Amino acid sequence: MKAKDLDKLFDSGGNISKYLDLARAKRTNEEPKRVNVDFPAWMIHSLDKEADRLGVTRQSIIKVWISERLGSRHT
């Protein structure tokens, strides 16, 4: 299938999965990078409370919240 035909199929909402080699698919800019951030104790307590309420880890909630904030500005 030509790229322009694949684009048309995708743009029309068609299923293109049979044309993709998902075994070789990669996400770009997804490799983890470690950062250290110091938070005040009250913030850690609030993060832990909210993480417990949602049933997720502190790290997960921080990543989701930062991703949401950055996603709203990302073009």
C-alpha atoms as a PDB file:
ATOM      1  CA  MET A   1       0.000   0.000   0.000  1.00  0.00           C
ATOM      2  CA  LYS A   2       1.277   3.457  -0.850  1.00  0.00           C
ATOM      3  CA  ALA A   3       1.800   5.986   1.929  1.00  0.00           C
ATOM      4  CA  LYS A   4      -0.858   8.350   0.569  1.00  0.00           C
ATOM      5  CA  ASP A   5      -3.406   5.499   0.556  1.00  0.00           C
ATOM      6  CA  LEU A   6      -2.469   4.568   4.104  1.00  0.00           C
ATOM      7  CA  ASP A   7      -2.861   8.214   5.137  1.00  0.00           C
ATOM      8  CA  LYS A   8      -6.315   8.380   3.529  1.00  0.00           C
ATOM      9  CA  LEU A   9      -7.402   5.193   5.281  1.00  0.00           C
ATOM     10  CA  PHE A  10      -6.128   6.482   8.630  1.00  0.00           C
ATOM     11  CA  ASP A  11      -7.656   9.943   8.167  1.00  0.00           C
ATOM     12  CA  SER A  12     -11.036   8.391   7.375  1.00  0.00           C
ATOM     13  CA  GLY A  13     -10.925   6.393  10.626  1.00  0.00           C
ATOM     14  CA  GLY A  14     -10.166   3.086   8.978  1.00  0.00           C
ATOM     15  CA  ASN A  15      -8.237   0.281  10.661  1.00  0.00           C
ATOM     16  CA  ILE A  16      -4.619   0.389   9.488  1.00  0.00           C
ATOM     17  CA  SER A  17      -3.201  -2.084  12.017  1.00  0.00           C
ATOM     18  CA  LYS A  18      -2.800  -4.893   9.478  1.00  0.00           C
ATOM     19  CA  TYR A  19      -0.393  -2.660   7.534  1.00  0.00           C
ATOM     20  CA  LEU A  20       1.879  -1.969  10.517  1.00  0.00           C
ATOM     21  CA  ASP A  21       4.767  -4.010  11.909  1.00  0.00           C
ATOM     22  CA  LEU A  22       3.958  -3.496  15.590  1.00  0.00           C
ATOM     23  CA  ALA A  23       6.847  -5.724  16.683  1.00  0.00           C
ATOM     24  CA  ARG A  24       9.250  -3.016  15.505  1.00  0.00           C
ATOM     25  CA  ALA A  25       7.215   0.000  16.604  1.00  0.00           C
ATOM     26  CA  LYS A  26       8.923   2.430  18.997  1.00  0.00           C
ATOM     27  CA  ARG A  27       7.821   5.527  20.832  1.00  0.00           C
ATOM     28  CA  THR A  28      10.168   8.436  20.448  1.00  0.00           C
ATOM     29  CA  ASN A  29      11.431  10.414  23.434  1.00  0.00           C
ATOM     30  CA  GLU A  30      10.114   7.792  25.852  1.00  0.00           C
ATOM     31  CA  GLU A  31      13.372   6.669  27.462  1.00  0.00           C
ATOM     32  CA  PRO A  32      13.249   7.458  31.183  1.00  0.00           C
ATOM     33  CA  LYS A  33      15.537  10.119  32.604  1.00  0.00           C
ATOM     34  CA  ARG A  34      16.012  10.353  36.354  1.00  0.00           C
ATOM     35  CA  VAL A  35      15.497  13.698  38.071  1.00  0.00           C
ATOM     36  CA  ASN A  36      15.580  14.672  41.716  1.00  0.00           C
ATOM     37  CA  VAL A  37      13.034  17.119  43.057  1.00  0.00           C
ATOM     38  CA  ASP A  38      12.761  18.317  46.642  1.00  0.00           C
ATOM     39  CA  PHE A  39       9.208  18.818  47.915  1.00  0.00           C
ATOM     40  CA  PRO A  40       8.138  20.210  51.282  1.00  0.00           C
ATOM     41  CA  ALA A  41       6.819  17.619  53.740  1.00  0.00           C
ATOM     42  CA  TRP A  42       3.224  18.899  53.501  1.00  0.00           C
ATOM     43  CA  MET A  43       3.292  18.362  49.727  1.00  0.00           C
ATOM     44  CA  ILE A  44       4.590  14.807  50.072  1.00  0.00           C
ATOM     45  CA  HIS A  45       1.836  14.103  52.602  1.00  0.00           C
ATOM     46  CA  SER A  46      -0.806  15.484  50.227  1.00  0.00           C
ATOM     47  CA  LEU A  47       0.626  13.546  47.285  1.00  0.00           C
ATOM     48  CA  ASP A  48       0.646  10.316  49.287  1.00  0.00           C
ATOM     49  CA  LYS A  49      -2.935  10.872  50.438  1.00  0.00           C
ATOM     50  CA  GLU A  50      -4.157  11.450  46.901  1.00  0.00           C
ATOM     51  CA  ALA A  51      -2.115   8.534  45.544  1.00  0.00           C
ATOM     52  CA  ASP A  52      -3.613   6.228  48.194  1.00  0.00           C
ATOM     53  CA  ARG A  53      -7.100   7.470  47.372  1.00  0.00           C
ATOM     54  CA  LEU A  54      -6.544   6.689  43.682  1.00  0.00           C
ATOM     55  CA  GLY A  55      -4.693   3.429  44.348  1.00  0.00           C
ATOM     56  CA  VAL A  56      -1.509   4.476  42.564  1.00  0.00           C
ATOM     57  CA  THR A  57       2.061   5.253  43.581  1.00  0.00           C
ATOM     58  CA  ARG A  58       3.360   8.716  44.404  1.00  0.00           C
ATOM     59  CA  GLN A  59       5.594   8.584  41.326  1.00  0.00           C
ATOM     60  CA  SER A  60       2.651   7.705  39.099  1.00  0.00           C
ATOM     61  CA  ILE A  61       0.521  10.581  40.280  1.00  0.00           C
ATOM     62  CA  ILE A  62       3.395  13.044  39.870  1.00  0.00           C
ATOM     63  CA  LYS A  63       4.041  11.827  36.314  1.00  0.00           C
ATOM     64  CA  VAL A  64       0.365  11.980  35.355  1.00  0.00           C
ATOM     65  CA  TRP A  65      -0.141  15.466  36.784  1.00  0.00           C
ATOM     66  CA  ILE A  66       2.998  16.851  35.141  1.00  0.00           C
ATOM     67  CA  SER A  67       2.077  15.181  31.855  1.00  0.00           C
ATOM     68  CA  GLU A  68      -1.416  16.694  31.983  1.00  0.00           C
ATOM     69  CA  ARG A  69      -0.012  20.156  32.663  1.00  0.00           C
ATOM     70  CA  LEU A  70       2.612  19.933  29.935  1.00  0.00           C
ATOM     71  CA  GLY A  71       0.167  18.365  27.500  1.00  0.00           C
ATOM     72  CA  SER A  72      -2.124  21.347  27.776  1.00  0.00           C
ATOM     73  CA  ARG A  73       0.720  23.577  26.544  1.00  0.00           C
ATOM     74  CA  HIS A  74       2.306  21.149  24.063  1.00  0.00           C
ATOM     75  CA  THR A  75       1.570  21.897  20.439  1.00  0.00           C
END
